């Protein structure tokens, strides 16, 4: 049986991967320039809510495909990393 993936699953995957790439590029580019770092932080601020919204949209449908589940796992890891950033920044910043 051929399984057809929906646009919401693909969009959810793209947003999750972009968020992962922006988080890991933040680690690499943190010492380069303030403009680049601020741009990556703003991109993360845009992609985190978009990823949560797309999780609700793609998983609210009855077609819970493998792409949506993989994207949900990737989003969960991304949210844990962002939460760790916020927690360590709030508790251990000078």
Protein backbone atom coordinates (compact mmCIF):
# COMPACT_ATOMS: atom_id res chain seq x y z
CA UNK A 1 0.00 0.00 0.00
CA UNK A 2 1.40 3.33 -1.05
CA UNK A 3 1.60 5.90 1.72
CA UNK A 4 1.11 9.53 0.74
CA UNK A 5 2.58 12.19 2.97
CA UNK A 6 0.81 15.48 3.49
CA UNK A 7 2.16 19.00 3.10
CA UNK A 8 1.93 19.58 6.85
CA UNK A 9 4.27 16.66 7.55
CA UNK A 10 6.86 17.94 5.11
CA UNK A 11 6.58 21.52 6.39
CA UNK A 12 6.90 20.29 9.96
CA UNK A 13 10.05 18.38 9.01
CA UNK A 14 11.56 21.38 7.20
CA UNK A 15 10.89 23.70 10.14
CA UNK A 16 12.35 21.20 12.61
CA UNK A 17 15.50 20.72 10.56
CA UNK A 18 15.92 24.49 10.11
CA UNK A 19 15.61 24.95 13.85
CA UNK A 20 18.24 22.27 14.48
CA UNK A 21 20.60 23.81 11.95
CA UNK A 22 20.15 27.28 13.45
CA UNK A 23 20.80 25.99 16.98
CA UNK A 24 23.97 24.17 15.97
CA UNK A 25 25.17 27.07 13.83
CA UNK A 26 24.71 29.27 16.90
CA UNK A 27 27.27 27.07 18.68
CA UNK A 28 29.73 27.48 15.81
CA UNK A 29 29.20 31.17 15.02
CA UNK A 30 28.84 32.58 18.54
CA UNK A 31 32.28 34.21 18.50
CA UNK A 32 32.23 35.61 14.96
CA UNK A 33 30.02 38.69 14.86
CA UNK A 34 27.15 40.15 16.81
CA UNK A 35 25.03 40.66 13.71
CA UNK A 36 25.22 36.98 12.75
CA UNK A 37 24.54 35.84 16.31
CA UNK A 38 21.54 38.16 16.65
CA UNK A 39 20.17 36.92 13.34
CA UNK A 40 20.43 33.29 14.42
CA UNK A 41 18.77 34.07 17.77
CA UNK A 42 15.90 35.85 16.01
CA UNK A 43 15.54 32.91 13.62
CA UNK A 44 15.30 30.57 16.61
CA UNK A 45 12.65 32.83 18.16
CA UNK A 46 10.62 32.51 14.96
CA UNK A 47 11.13 28.79 14.38
CA UNK A 48 10.32 27.51 17.90
CA UNK A 49 6.67 28.67 17.86
CA UNK A 50 6.34 27.69 14.20
CA UNK A 51 7.55 24.19 15.04
CA UNK A 52 5.07 23.88 17.92
CA UNK A 53 2.21 25.12 15.73
CA UNK A 54 3.12 22.70 12.96
CA UNK A 55 3.28 19.86 15.50
CA UNK A 56 -0.30 20.59 16.48
CA UNK A 57 -1.43 20.94 12.86
CA UNK A 58 0.26 17.83 11.51
CA UNK A 59 -0.51 15.55 14.45
CA UNK A 60 -4.12 16.72 14.84
CA UNK A 61 -4.97 15.03 11.56
CA UNK A 62 -5.61 11.31 11.48
CA UNK A 63 -2.62 10.62 9.22
CA UNK A 64 0.20 10.26 11.73
CA UNK A 65 2.97 9.37 9.33
CA UNK A 66 6.60 8.54 9.97
CA UNK A 67 7.65 12.02 8.86
CA UNK A 68 5.46 13.64 11.51
CA UNK A 69 6.75 11.34 14.24
CA UNK A 70 10.39 11.97 13.29
CA UNK A 71 9.71 15.70 13.20
CA UNK A 72 8.07 15.51 16.63
CA UNK A 73 11.13 13.78 18.08
CA UNK A 74 13.42 16.36 16.50
CA UNK A 75 11.25 19.19 17.82
CA UNK A 76 11.30 17.66 21.30
CA UNK A 77 15.10 17.56 21.27
CA UNK A 78 15.21 21.14 20.01
CA UNK A 79 12.87 22.32 22.76
CA UNK A 80 15.01 20.57 25.39
CA UNK A 81 18.12 22.34 24.06
CA UNK A 82 16.38 25.74 23.99
CA UNK A 83 15.01 25.13 27.49
CA UNK A 84 18.50 24.29 28.72
CA UNK A 85 19.81 27.53 27.16
CA UNK A 86 17.13 29.53 28.93
CA UNK A 87 17.53 27.75 32.27
CA UNK A 88 21.33 28.03 32.36
CA UNK A 89 21.17 31.61 31.13
CA UNK A 90 18.70 32.59 33.83
CA UNK A 91 20.44 30.81 36.69
CA UNK A 92 24.15 31.10 35.92
CA UNK A 93 24.52 34.34 33.97
CA UNK A 94 26.63 37.00 35.66
